[in-house]
Amino acid sequence: MKNAQSHFRPIPSSRSKQRALLGSAKGYQHGVVLVVALIVLVAMTLAGIAMVRQISSGVGIAGNIGFRQNAVAAADYGAEVARVYVTSKTASDSGLINDSLSDGYFSSMTAANVDFTKSSAWQTGTKTVSNTSDSTGNTIAYQIHRMCSVPNLSAYDPSNNCVMANTNVGLNEKGLGSPPLMTKGQPYFRTTVRVQGTRGTTSFIQIMSH
């Protein structure tokens, strides 16, 4: 009689069990390391993007400040050109009585509610000047307003109300302690300068002179 085949599998040894367990554990560890590595990679990528954006913002802010400072310097040049225009006229006010819109000159004050930050205030009576030493592309414009209530009328006319400045010229014959002599008053002039630069930079300055 032939021996019947056994239907029982051999019981694995303890060493075989250990190898099987170690193999499955190593496979699990490899999967966890991959997930952790991906998370760290994503975190580092986001941190790098945030750092680049922060640096770019800082550089942009610094550049805008530089352009604004340059625009202010250009405005000083425009104010000087306007001052030379006023002082080139005679002390007797001739040449400053009437409006000269082509020169950016108004012989009277504008309305109190004029907003020079709006483009509508610069549509007429604006003088544009160029600075050959400025290579940044700034556009310089100014308006001069004589601080008088009535246009096209002498500042010394009794019917004109002007803001005047007097200048002390010395003492009278009575000597020290006596009221000083006064020259004939000169009207004040308000100069408003607008500079339009690159990157949409716009600067304004105002000066008073006489």
N, C-alpha and C. Protein backbone atom coordinates (compact mmCIF):
# COMPACT_ATOMS: atom_id res chain seq x y z
N MET A 1 0.86 -1.20 0.00
CA MET A 1 0.00 0.00 0.00
C MET A 1 0.88 1.23 0.00
N LYS A 2 0.58 2.07 -0.94
CA LYS A 2 1.38 3.28 -1.07
C LYS A 2 1.10 4.22 0.09
N ASN A 3 2.20 4.89 0.39
CA ASN A 3 2.09 5.88 1.49
C ASN A 3 1.22 7.06 1.06
N ALA A 4 0.30 7.40 1.86
CA ALA A 4 -0.57 8.55 1.56
C ALA A 4 0.22 9.85 1.74
N GLN A 5 0.01 10.76 0.77
CA GLN A 5 0.70 12.06 0.86
C GLN A 5 0.13 12.88 2.00
N SER A 6 1.04 13.48 2.68
CA SER A 6 0.63 14.30 3.84
C SER A 6 0.07 15.64 3.37
N HIS A 7 -1.03 16.03 3.96
CA HIS A 7 -1.64 17.33 3.64
C HIS A 7 -1.21 18.41 4.62
N PHE A 8 -0.27 18.16 5.43
CA PHE A 8 0.18 19.14 6.42
C PHE A 8 1.47 19.80 5.94
N ARG A 9 1.48 21.15 5.98
CA ARG A 9 2.68 21.89 5.60
C ARG A 9 3.64 21.92 6.77
N PRO A 10 4.88 21.99 6.45
CA PRO A 10 5.86 22.03 7.54
C PRO A 10 5.76 23.34 8.30
N ILE A 11 5.88 23.20 9.57
CA ILE A 11 5.83 24.39 10.43
C ILE A 11 7.12 25.18 10.26
N PRO A 12 7.01 26.49 9.86
CA PRO A 12 8.23 27.28 9.67
C PRO A 12 8.94 27.46 10.98
N SER A 13 10.21 27.54 10.83
CA SER A 13 11.03 27.74 12.02
C SER A 13 10.90 29.17 12.51
N SER A 14 11.36 29.42 13.71
CA SER A 14 11.29 30.78 14.30
C SER A 14 12.14 31.74 13.51
N ARG A 15 13.25 31.29 12.93
CA ARG A 15 14.10 32.18 12.13
C ARG A 15 13.37 32.65 10.87
N SER A 16 12.62 31.74 10.27
CA SER A 16 11.86 32.13 9.07
C SER A 16 10.80 33.17 9.42
N LYS A 17 10.17 33.00 10.58
CA LYS A 17 9.18 33.99 11.00
C LYS A 17 9.81 35.36 11.19
N GLN A 18 10.99 35.39 11.79
CA GLN A 18 11.67 36.65 12.02
C GLN A 18 12.02 37.34 10.71
N ARG A 19 12.48 36.56 9.75
CA ARG A 19 12.81 37.15 8.45
C ARG A 19 11.57 37.74 7.77
N ALA A 20 10.47 37.03 7.87
CA ALA A 20 9.24 37.54 7.24
C ALA A 20 8.78 38.83 7.89
N LEU A 21 8.86 38.86 9.23
CA LEU A 21 8.45 40.07 9.94
C LEU A 21 9.37 41.25 9.63
N LEU A 22 10.67 40.96 9.58
CA LEU A 22 11.62 42.03 9.27
C LEU A 22 11.42 42.56 7.85
N GLY A 23 11.11 41.68 6.93
CA GLY A 23 10.89 42.12 5.56
C GLY A 23 9.69 43.04 5.44
N SER A 24 8.59 42.66 6.10
CA SER A 24 7.41 43.51 6.04
C SER A 24 7.64 44.84 6.74
N ALA A 25 8.40 44.84 7.85
CA ALA A 25 8.69 46.09 8.57
C ALA A 25 9.53 47.03 7.73
N LYS A 26 10.53 46.47 7.03
CA LYS A 26 11.36 47.31 6.17
C LYS A 26 10.55 47.94 5.05
N GLY A 27 9.64 47.16 4.47
CA GLY A 27 8.80 47.75 3.42
C GLY A 27 7.94 48.88 3.95
N TYR A 28 7.40 48.74 5.14
CA TYR A 28 6.58 49.80 5.75
C TYR A 28 7.42 51.04 6.02
N GLN A 29 8.66 50.82 6.52
CA GLN A 29 9.52 51.96 6.81
C GLN A 29 9.87 52.72 5.55
N HIS A 30 10.14 52.01 4.46
CA HIS A 30 10.43 52.69 3.20
C HIS A 30 9.26 53.58 2.77
N GLY A 31 8.04 53.16 2.94
CA GLY A 31 6.88 53.96 2.58
C GLY A 31 6.75 55.20 3.44
N VAL A 32 7.00 55.09 4.73
CA VAL A 32 6.92 56.24 5.64
C VAL A 32 7.98 57.27 5.31
N VAL A 33 9.20 56.82 5.03
CA VAL A 33 10.30 57.74 4.69
C VAL A 33 9.96 58.52 3.42
N LEU A 34 9.35 57.89 2.46
CA LEU A 34 8.98 58.57 1.22
C LEU A 34 7.96 59.67 1.49
N VAL A 35 6.96 59.38 2.30
CA VAL A 35 5.94 60.38 2.62
C VAL A 35 6.56 61.56 3.37
N VAL A 36 7.40 61.24 4.37
CA VAL A 36 8.06 62.32 5.13
C VAL A 36 8.94 63.18 4.22
N ALA A 37 9.67 62.53 3.31
CA ALA A 37 10.54 63.27 2.39
C ALA A 37 9.73 64.19 1.49
N LEU A 38 8.59 63.74 1.03
CA LEU A 38 7.74 64.58 0.19
C LEU A 38 7.20 65.78 0.96
N ILE A 39 6.81 65.55 2.22
CA ILE A 39 6.30 66.66 3.05
C ILE A 39 7.39 67.69 3.28
N VAL A 40 8.61 67.22 3.61
CA VAL A 40 9.73 68.15 3.83
C VAL A 40 10.05 68.92 2.56
N LEU A 41 10.01 68.25 1.41
CA LEU A 41 10.29 68.91 0.14
C LEU A 41 9.27 70.00 -0.16
N VAL A 42 7.99 69.72 0.08
CA VAL A 42 6.95 70.73 -0.14
C VAL A 42 7.14 71.92 0.80
N ALA A 43 7.46 71.63 2.08
CA ALA A 43 7.67 72.70 3.05
C ALA A 43 8.84 73.59 2.64
N MET A 44 9.94 72.98 2.21
CA MET A 44 11.11 73.75 1.78
C MET A 44 10.81 74.58 0.53
N THR A 45 10.03 74.01 -0.38
CA THR A 45 9.64 74.76 -1.58
C THR A 45 8.82 76.00 -1.24
N LEU A 46 7.84 75.82 -0.34
CA LEU A 46 7.01 76.96 0.07
C LEU A 46 7.84 78.01 0.79
N ALA A 47 8.77 77.58 1.64
CA ALA A 47 9.63 78.53 2.34
C ALA A 47 10.51 79.29 1.36
N GLY A 48 11.02 78.61 0.35
CA GLY A 48 11.84 79.28 -0.66
C GLY A 48 11.06 80.30 -1.45
N ILE A 49 9.83 79.93 -1.83
CA ILE A 49 8.98 80.88 -2.57
C ILE A 49 8.68 82.11 -1.73
N ALA A 50 8.37 81.90 -0.44
CA ALA A 50 8.07 83.03 0.44
C ALA A 50 9.29 83.93 0.60
N MET A 51 10.48 83.34 0.69
CA MET A 51 11.70 84.14 0.83
C MET A 51 11.97 84.97 -0.42
N VAL A 52 11.77 84.36 -1.59
CA VAL A 52 11.99 85.09 -2.85
C VAL A 52 11.01 86.25 -2.97
N ARG A 53 9.76 86.01 -2.61
CA ARG A 53 8.76 87.07 -2.69
C ARG A 53 9.08 88.19 -1.72
N GLN A 54 9.56 87.85 -0.53
CA GLN A 54 9.90 88.87 0.45
C GLN A 54 11.07 89.72 -0.03
N ILE A 55 12.08 89.07 -0.60
CA ILE A 55 13.23 89.81 -1.13
C ILE A 55 12.80 90.70 -2.29
N SER A 56 11.95 90.18 -3.17
CA SER A 56 11.48 90.97 -4.32
C SER A 56 10.69 92.18 -3.85
N SER A 57 9.85 92.00 -2.81
CA SER A 57 9.08 93.13 -2.28
C SER A 57 9.99 94.17 -1.69
N GLY A 58 11.03 93.74 -0.96
CA GLY A 58 11.97 94.69 -0.37
C GLY A 58 12.71 95.49 -1.42
N VAL A 59 13.14 94.80 -2.47
CA VAL A 59 13.83 95.50 -3.55
C VAL A 59 12.90 96.49 -4.25
N GLY A 60 11.64 96.09 -4.46
CA GLY A 60 10.68 96.99 -5.09
C GLY A 60 10.41 98.23 -4.25
N ILE A 61 10.27 98.05 -2.93
CA ILE A 61 10.03 99.19 -2.05
C ILE A 61 11.21 100.14 -2.07
N ALA A 62 12.42 99.57 -1.99
CA ALA A 62 13.63 100.41 -2.03
C ALA A 62 13.72 101.18 -3.35
N GLY A 63 13.37 100.50 -4.44
CA GLY A 63 13.40 101.18 -5.74
C GLY A 63 12.39 102.31 -5.82
N ASN A 64 11.18 102.08 -5.29
CA ASN A 64 10.16 103.13 -5.31
C ASN A 64 10.58 104.33 -4.47
N ILE A 65 11.22 104.07 -3.33
CA ILE A 65 11.70 105.19 -2.50
C ILE A 65 12.76 105.99 -3.25
N GLY A 66 13.64 105.28 -3.96
CA GLY A 66 14.66 105.97 -4.74
C GLY A 66 14.06 106.82 -5.84
N PHE A 67 13.06 106.30 -6.55
CA PHE A 67 12.40 107.08 -7.60
C PHE A 67 11.69 108.30 -7.02
N ARG A 68 11.09 108.13 -5.83
CA ARG A 68 10.40 109.26 -5.22
C ARG A 68 11.38 110.35 -4.80
N GLN A 69 12.51 109.96 -4.24
CA GLN A 69 13.51 110.94 -3.87
C GLN A 69 14.04 111.67 -5.09
N ASN A 70 14.21 110.94 -6.18
CA ASN A 70 14.65 111.58 -7.41
C ASN A 70 13.61 112.56 -7.92
N ALA A 71 12.33 112.21 -7.78
CA ALA A 71 11.26 113.12 -8.22
C ALA A 71 11.24 114.39 -7.38
N VAL A 72 11.51 114.26 -6.07
CA VAL A 72 11.55 115.45 -5.21
C VAL A 72 12.71 116.35 -5.62
N ALA A 73 13.86 115.76 -5.93
CA ALA A 73 14.99 116.56 -6.39
C ALA A 73 14.67 117.29 -7.69
N ALA A 74 13.96 116.60 -8.58
CA ALA A 74 13.55 117.25 -9.83
C ALA A 74 12.57 118.39 -9.56
N ALA A 75 11.72 118.24 -8.55
CA ALA A 75 10.78 119.30 -8.20
C ALA A 75 11.52 120.53 -7.70
N ASP A 76 12.62 120.35 -6.99
CA ASP A 76 13.43 121.49 -6.56
C ASP A 76 13.97 122.26 -7.75
N TYR A 77 14.34 121.55 -8.79
CA TYR A 77 14.80 122.22 -10.01
C TYR A 77 13.69 123.06 -10.63
N GLY A 78 12.48 122.49 -10.70
CA GLY A 78 11.36 123.26 -11.24
C GLY A 78 11.05 124.50 -10.41
N ALA A 79 11.15 124.38 -9.09
CA ALA A 79 10.91 125.54 -8.23
C ALA A 79 11.95 126.61 -8.46
N GLU A 80 13.18 126.23 -8.72
CA GLU A 80 14.23 127.21 -8.99
C GLU A 80 13.99 127.94 -10.30
N VAL A 81 13.55 127.20 -11.33
CA VAL A 81 13.23 127.84 -12.61
C VAL A 81 12.10 128.85 -12.43
N ALA A 82 11.09 128.49 -11.65
CA ALA A 82 9.98 129.42 -11.40
C ALA A 82 10.45 130.64 -10.62
N ARG A 83 11.33 130.45 -9.66
CA ARG A 83 11.85 131.58 -8.88
C ARG A 83 12.63 132.56 -9.76
N VAL A 84 13.41 132.01 -10.67
CA VAL A 84 14.17 132.87 -11.59
C VAL A 84 13.21 133.67 -12.47
N TYR A 85 12.11 133.05 -12.87
CA TYR A 85 11.13 133.77 -13.69
C TYR A 85 10.57 134.97 -12.93
N VAL A 86 10.23 134.76 -11.66
CA VAL A 86 9.64 135.85 -10.87
C VAL A 86 10.67 136.94 -10.61
N THR A 87 11.86 136.56 -10.20
CA THR A 87 12.87 137.56 -9.85
C THR A 87 13.43 138.29 -11.07
N SER A 88 13.24 137.72 -12.25
CA SER A 88 13.73 138.39 -13.45
C SER A 88 12.87 139.59 -13.83
N LYS A 89 11.67 139.69 -13.25
CA LYS A 89 10.81 140.82 -13.53
C LYS A 89 11.25 142.02 -12.69
N THR A 90 10.84 143.18 -13.09
CA THR A 90 11.27 144.39 -12.38
C THR A 90 10.62 144.47 -11.01
N ALA A 91 11.28 145.19 -10.10
CA ALA A 91 10.78 145.32 -8.74
C ALA A 91 9.49 146.13 -8.68
N SER A 92 9.21 146.88 -9.73
CA SER A 92 8.00 147.71 -9.74
C SER A 92 6.76 146.92 -10.15
N ASP A 93 6.90 145.60 -10.30
CA ASP A 93 5.77 144.71 -10.61
C ASP A 93 5.40 144.72 -12.09
N SER A 94 6.11 145.48 -12.93
CA SER A 94 5.78 145.44 -14.35
C SER A 94 6.14 144.08 -14.91
N GLY A 95 5.31 143.57 -15.75
CA GLY A 95 5.51 142.23 -16.28
C GLY A 95 4.87 141.16 -15.43
N LEU A 96 4.45 141.49 -14.21
CA LEU A 96 3.78 140.53 -13.34
C LEU A 96 2.32 140.92 -13.09
N ILE A 97 1.86 141.93 -13.77
CA ILE A 97 0.48 142.39 -13.55
C ILE A 97 -0.51 141.46 -14.23
N ASN A 98 -0.21 141.08 -15.45
CA ASN A 98 -1.16 140.29 -16.24
C ASN A 98 -0.79 138.81 -16.23
N ASP A 99 -1.83 137.99 -16.45
CA ASP A 99 -1.61 136.55 -16.58
C ASP A 99 -0.69 136.26 -17.77
N SER A 100 0.13 135.24 -17.62
CA SER A 100 0.96 134.74 -18.72
C SER A 100 0.92 133.23 -18.65
N LEU A 101 -0.16 132.68 -19.19
CA LEU A 101 -0.40 131.24 -19.05
C LEU A 101 0.67 130.40 -19.73
N SER A 102 1.25 130.93 -20.81
CA SER A 102 2.30 130.17 -21.48
C SER A 102 3.55 130.03 -20.61
N ASP A 103 3.70 130.94 -19.65
CA ASP A 103 4.82 130.87 -18.70
C ASP A 103 4.40 130.22 -17.39
N GLY A 104 3.16 129.75 -17.32
CA GLY A 104 2.68 129.14 -16.09
C GLY A 104 2.41 130.15 -15.00
N TYR A 105 2.11 131.41 -15.38
CA TYR A 105 1.95 132.48 -14.39
C TYR A 105 0.51 132.96 -14.34
N PHE A 106 -0.02 133.02 -13.11
CA PHE A 106 -1.34 133.58 -12.85
C PHE A 106 -1.17 134.80 -11.95
N SER A 107 -1.82 135.88 -12.29
CA SER A 107 -1.67 137.12 -11.53
C SER A 107 -2.60 137.17 -10.32
N SER A 108 -3.31 136.09 -10.04
CA SER A 108 -4.19 136.07 -8.88
C SER A 108 -4.21 134.66 -8.31
N MET A 109 -4.76 134.55 -7.11
CA MET A 109 -4.89 133.25 -6.46
C MET A 109 -6.02 132.46 -7.12
N THR A 110 -5.87 131.18 -7.14
CA THR A 110 -6.97 130.34 -7.61
C THR A 110 -7.94 130.11 -6.47
N ALA A 111 -9.05 129.46 -6.77
CA ALA A 111 -10.03 129.16 -5.72
C ALA A 111 -9.39 128.32 -4.63
N ALA A 112 -9.88 128.48 -3.43
CA ALA A 112 -9.28 127.81 -2.27
C ALA A 112 -9.41 126.30 -2.34
N ASN A 113 -10.38 125.81 -3.11
CA ASN A 113 -10.62 124.37 -3.13
C ASN A 113 -9.94 123.67 -4.31
N VAL A 114 -8.97 124.33 -4.95
CA VAL A 114 -8.27 123.68 -6.05
C VAL A 114 -7.41 122.55 -5.51
N ASP A 115 -7.54 121.40 -6.12
CA ASP A 115 -6.77 120.22 -5.72
C ASP A 115 -5.71 119.98 -6.78
N PHE A 116 -4.46 120.32 -6.45
CA PHE A 116 -3.38 120.19 -7.41
C PHE A 116 -2.99 118.74 -7.67
N THR A 117 -3.50 117.82 -6.89
CA THR A 117 -3.20 116.41 -7.14
C THR A 117 -4.04 115.85 -8.28
N LYS A 118 -5.04 116.61 -8.74
CA LYS A 118 -5.88 116.17 -9.85
C LYS A 118 -5.35 116.73 -11.16
N SER A 119 -5.44 115.95 -12.20
CA SER A 119 -4.92 116.36 -13.50
C SER A 119 -5.68 117.55 -14.07
N SER A 120 -6.93 117.75 -13.65
CA SER A 120 -7.72 118.86 -14.17
C SER A 120 -7.13 120.21 -13.78
N ALA A 121 -6.40 120.26 -12.67
CA ALA A 121 -5.80 121.52 -12.23
C ALA A 121 -4.60 121.92 -13.08
N TRP A 122 -4.11 121.00 -13.92
CA TRP A 122 -2.91 121.25 -14.71
C TRP A 122 -3.20 121.31 -16.21
N GLN A 123 -4.45 121.44 -16.57
CA GLN A 123 -4.80 121.44 -17.99
C GLN A 123 -4.48 122.76 -18.66
N THR A 124 -4.53 123.88 -17.93
CA THR A 124 -4.23 125.19 -18.50
C THR A 124 -3.25 125.92 -17.58
N GLY A 125 -2.47 126.82 -18.18
CA GLY A 125 -1.56 127.63 -17.40
C GLY A 125 -0.44 126.84 -16.75
N THR A 126 0.04 125.84 -17.43
CA THR A 126 1.10 125.00 -16.88
C THR A 126 2.35 125.14 -17.72
N LYS A 127 3.46 125.37 -17.05
CA LYS A 127 4.75 125.48 -17.72
C LYS A 127 5.54 124.20 -17.49
N THR A 128 5.94 123.55 -18.58
CA THR A 128 6.74 122.34 -18.50
C THR A 128 8.19 122.68 -18.78
N VAL A 129 9.07 122.23 -17.92
CA VAL A 129 10.49 122.52 -18.08
C VAL A 129 11.25 121.20 -18.19
N SER A 130 12.43 121.29 -18.76
CA SER A 130 13.26 120.09 -18.92
C SER A 130 14.58 120.30 -18.20
N ASN A 131 15.03 119.25 -17.54
CA ASN A 131 16.30 119.25 -16.84
C ASN A 131 17.25 118.34 -17.59
N THR A 132 18.24 118.93 -18.23
CA THR A 132 19.15 118.13 -19.07
C THR A 132 20.00 117.17 -18.24
N SER A 133 20.17 117.48 -16.95
CA SER A 133 20.97 116.61 -16.10
C SER A 133 20.16 115.45 -15.53
N ASP A 134 18.85 115.46 -15.77
CA ASP A 134 17.98 114.40 -15.25
C ASP A 134 17.71 113.40 -16.37
N SER A 135 18.23 112.20 -16.21
CA SER A 135 18.08 111.18 -17.25
C SER A 135 17.11 110.09 -16.84
N THR A 136 16.28 110.36 -15.82
CA THR A 136 15.36 109.34 -15.33
C THR A 136 13.98 109.45 -15.95
N GLY A 137 13.78 110.39 -16.85
CA GLY A 137 12.50 110.50 -17.54
C GLY A 137 11.43 111.25 -16.77
N ASN A 138 11.83 112.10 -15.82
CA ASN A 138 10.85 112.88 -15.07
C ASN A 138 10.28 114.00 -15.92
N THR A 139 8.99 114.28 -15.73
CA THR A 139 8.33 115.40 -16.39
C THR A 139 8.03 116.46 -15.32
N ILE A 140 8.63 117.65 -15.48
CA ILE A 140 8.54 118.71 -14.48
C ILE A 140 7.62 119.81 -15.01
N ALA A 141 6.66 120.19 -14.21
CA ALA A 141 5.73 121.27 -14.58
C ALA A 141 5.45 122.12 -13.34
N TYR A 142 5.18 123.41 -13.57
CA TYR A 142 4.88 124.29 -12.43
C TYR A 142 3.83 125.32 -12.81
N GLN A 143 3.24 125.89 -11.76
CA GLN A 143 2.32 127.03 -11.87
C GLN A 143 2.70 128.05 -10.80
N ILE A 144 2.69 129.32 -11.19
CA ILE A 144 2.99 130.41 -10.27
C ILE A 144 1.72 131.23 -10.09
N HIS A 145 1.35 131.47 -8.84
CA HIS A 145 0.17 132.28 -8.54
C HIS A 145 0.58 133.47 -7.68
N ARG A 146 0.29 134.67 -8.18
CA ARG A 146 0.48 135.85 -7.36
C ARG A 146 -0.63 135.89 -6.31
N MET A 147 -0.27 136.13 -5.08
CA MET A 147 -1.24 136.04 -3.99
C MET A 147 -2.07 137.32 -3.90
N CYS A 148 -2.83 137.56 -4.95
CA CYS A 148 -3.72 138.71 -5.05
C CYS A 148 -5.12 138.22 -5.39
N SER A 149 -6.10 139.01 -5.01
CA SER A 149 -7.49 138.61 -5.23
C SER A 149 -7.99 138.97 -6.62
N VAL A 150 -7.42 139.99 -7.24
CA VAL A 150 -7.90 140.48 -8.54
C VAL A 150 -6.84 140.21 -9.60
N PRO A 151 -7.18 139.53 -10.68
CA PRO A 151 -6.19 139.28 -11.73
C PRO A 151 -6.00 140.49 -12.62
N ASN A 152 -4.86 140.52 -13.29
CA ASN A 152 -4.55 141.55 -14.29
C ASN A 152 -4.70 142.96 -13.73
N LEU A 153 -4.28 143.14 -12.49
CA LEU A 153 -4.33 144.44 -11.82
C LEU A 153 -3.10 144.56 -10.93
N SER A 154 -2.52 145.73 -10.91
CA SER A 154 -1.32 145.93 -10.11
C SER A 154 -1.55 145.56 -8.66
N ALA A 155 -0.54 145.00 -8.04
CA ALA A 155 -0.64 144.63 -6.63
C ALA A 155 -0.76 145.85 -5.74
N TYR A 156 -0.39 147.04 -6.27
CA TYR A 156 -0.42 148.27 -5.47
C TYR A 156 -1.69 149.08 -5.71
N ASP A 157 -2.58 148.54 -6.52
CA ASP A 157 -3.86 149.22 -6.72
C ASP A 157 -4.71 149.06 -5.47
N PRO A 158 -5.33 150.14 -4.98
CA PRO A 158 -6.12 150.05 -3.75
C PRO A 158 -7.27 149.04 -3.81
N SER A 159 -7.74 148.75 -5.00
CA SER A 159 -8.86 147.82 -5.12
C SER A 159 -8.40 146.35 -5.17
N ASN A 160 -7.11 146.15 -5.14
CA ASN A 160 -6.58 144.78 -5.18
C ASN A 160 -6.12 144.40 -3.77
N ASN A 161 -6.48 143.23 -3.37
CA ASN A 161 -6.11 142.73 -2.04
C ASN A 161 -5.06 141.65 -2.21
N CYS A 162 -3.83 141.96 -1.80
CA CYS A 162 -2.70 141.05 -2.00
C CYS A 162 -2.00 140.75 -0.67
N VAL A 163 -1.40 139.61 -0.62
CA VAL A 163 -0.55 139.26 0.52
C VAL A 163 0.82 139.84 0.23
N MET A 164 1.23 140.80 1.05
CA MET A 164 2.45 141.57 0.78
C MET A 164 3.52 141.25 1.81
N ALA A 165 4.76 141.42 1.39
CA ALA A 165 5.91 141.26 2.29
C ALA A 165 6.68 142.56 2.31
N ASN A 166 7.02 143.03 3.50
CA ASN A 166 7.82 144.24 3.66
C ASN A 166 9.23 143.87 4.08
N THR A 167 10.18 144.69 3.69
CA THR A 167 11.58 144.43 3.99
C THR A 167 12.17 145.61 4.75
N ASN A 168 12.80 145.34 5.88
CA ASN A 168 13.47 146.38 6.65
C ASN A 168 14.74 146.82 5.93
N VAL A 169 14.95 148.12 5.82
CA VAL A 169 16.13 148.63 5.12
C VAL A 169 17.06 149.40 6.05
N GLY A 170 16.69 149.68 7.29
CA GLY A 170 17.59 150.40 8.18
C GLY A 170 16.82 151.22 9.20
N LEU A 171 17.55 152.03 9.96
CA LEU A 171 16.95 152.88 10.99
C LEU A 171 16.81 154.30 10.45
N ASN A 172 15.83 155.02 10.99
CA ASN A 172 15.65 156.39 10.54
C ASN A 172 16.62 157.33 11.29
N GLU A 173 16.46 158.60 11.08
CA GLU A 173 17.41 159.57 11.64
C GLU A 173 17.38 159.65 13.15
N LYS A 174 16.33 159.18 13.79
CA LYS A 174 16.23 159.28 15.24
C LYS A 174 17.18 158.30 15.93
N GLY A 175 17.74 157.36 15.20
CA GLY A 175 18.75 156.49 15.78
C GLY A 175 18.20 155.21 16.34
N LEU A 176 19.01 154.61 17.18
CA LEU A 176 18.70 153.30 17.71
C LEU A 176 17.41 153.31 18.51
N GLY A 177 16.62 152.31 18.36
CA GLY A 177 15.38 152.18 19.09
C GLY A 177 14.18 152.73 18.37
N SER A 178 14.40 153.42 17.27
CA SER A 178 13.28 153.97 16.50
C SER A 178 12.78 152.94 15.51
N PRO A 179 11.53 153.06 15.08
CA PRO A 179 10.99 152.10 14.10
C PRO A 179 11.81 152.10 12.82
N PRO A 180 12.10 150.94 12.26
CA PRO A 180 12.90 150.88 11.03
C PRO A 180 12.11 151.36 9.83
N LEU A 181 12.85 151.83 8.84
CA LEU A 181 12.23 152.22 7.58
C LEU A 181 11.78 150.96 6.84
N MET A 182 10.74 151.05 6.07
CA MET A 182 10.20 149.89 5.35
C MET A 182 10.22 150.19 3.86
N THR A 183 10.61 149.21 3.10
CA THR A 183 10.54 149.36 1.65
C THR A 183 9.10 149.14 1.20
N LYS A 184 8.87 149.46 -0.05
CA LYS A 184 7.55 149.22 -0.60
C LYS A 184 7.30 147.73 -0.65
N GLY A 185 6.15 147.28 -0.18
CA GLY A 185 5.87 145.86 -0.09
C GLY A 185 5.89 145.16 -1.44
N GLN A 186 6.28 143.92 -1.42
CA GLN A 186 6.27 143.08 -2.60
C GLN A 186 5.24 141.97 -2.41
N PRO A 187 4.50 141.65 -3.44
CA PRO A 187 3.51 140.57 -3.29
C PRO A 187 4.18 139.20 -3.17
N TYR A 188 3.52 138.33 -2.49
CA TYR A 188 3.99 136.95 -2.39
C TYR A 188 3.55 136.18 -3.63
N PHE A 189 4.35 135.20 -3.98
CA PHE A 189 4.04 134.31 -5.10
C PHE A 189 4.12 132.87 -4.61
N ARG A 190 3.10 132.12 -4.96
CA ARG A 190 3.08 130.70 -4.61
C ARG A 190 3.40 129.87 -5.84
N THR A 191 4.40 129.04 -5.72
CA THR A 191 4.80 128.17 -6.83
C THR A 191 4.48 126.72 -6.46
N THR A 192 3.75 126.06 -7.34
CA THR A 192 3.42 124.65 -7.16
C THR A 192 4.09 123.85 -8.27
N VAL A 193 4.87 122.87 -7.88
CA VAL A 193 5.62 122.06 -8.85
C VAL A 193 5.11 120.63 -8.79
N ARG A 194 4.89 120.06 -9.96
CA ARG A 194 4.49 118.66 -10.06
C ARG A 194 5.52 117.92 -10.89
N VAL A 195 5.94 116.77 -10.39
CA VAL A 195 6.90 115.93 -11.11
C VAL A 195 6.27 114.55 -11.31
N GLN A 196 6.17 114.15 -12.55
CA GLN A 196 5.68 112.82 -12.89
C GLN A 196 6.87 111.99 -13.35
N GLY A 197 7.15 110.94 -12.57
CA GLY A 197 8.31 110.11 -12.87
C GLY A 197 7.92 108.73 -13.35
N THR A 198 8.91 107.85 -13.35
CA THR A 198 8.68 106.48 -13.78
C THR A 198 7.94 105.71 -12.69
N ARG A 199 7.40 104.55 -13.07
CA ARG A 199 6.64 103.68 -12.18
C ARG A 199 5.43 104.40 -11.56
N GLY A 200 4.90 105.41 -12.27
CA GLY A 200 3.73 106.11 -11.77
C GLY A 200 4.01 107.03 -10.60
N THR A 201 5.28 107.37 -10.36
CA THR A 201 5.63 108.25 -9.24
C THR A 201 5.25 109.69 -9.56
N THR A 202 4.54 110.34 -8.64
CA THR A 202 4.18 111.75 -8.78
C THR A 202 4.46 112.46 -7.46
N SER A 203 5.20 113.57 -7.55
CA SER A 203 5.54 114.34 -6.35
C SER A 203 5.13 115.79 -6.55
N PHE A 204 4.77 116.43 -5.43
CA PHE A 204 4.37 117.84 -5.44
C PHE A 204 5.15 118.59 -4.37
N ILE A 205 5.53 119.82 -4.68
CA ILE A 205 6.07 120.72 -3.67
C ILE A 205 5.48 122.11 -3.91
N GLN A 206 5.40 122.90 -2.86
CA GLN A 206 4.95 124.29 -2.95
C GLN A 206 5.93 125.16 -2.18
N ILE A 207 6.22 126.32 -2.76
CA ILE A 207 7.07 127.29 -2.08
C ILE A 207 6.41 128.66 -2.17
N MET A 208 6.73 129.53 -1.20
CA MET A 208 6.27 130.93 -1.19
C MET A 208 7.50 131.80 -1.32
N SER A 209 7.42 132.77 -2.21
CA SER A 209 8.53 133.70 -2.42
C SER A 209 7.99 135.08 -2.69
N HIS A 210 8.88 136.06 -2.63
CA HIS A 210 8.49 137.45 -2.96
C HIS A 210 9.68 138.17 -3.56
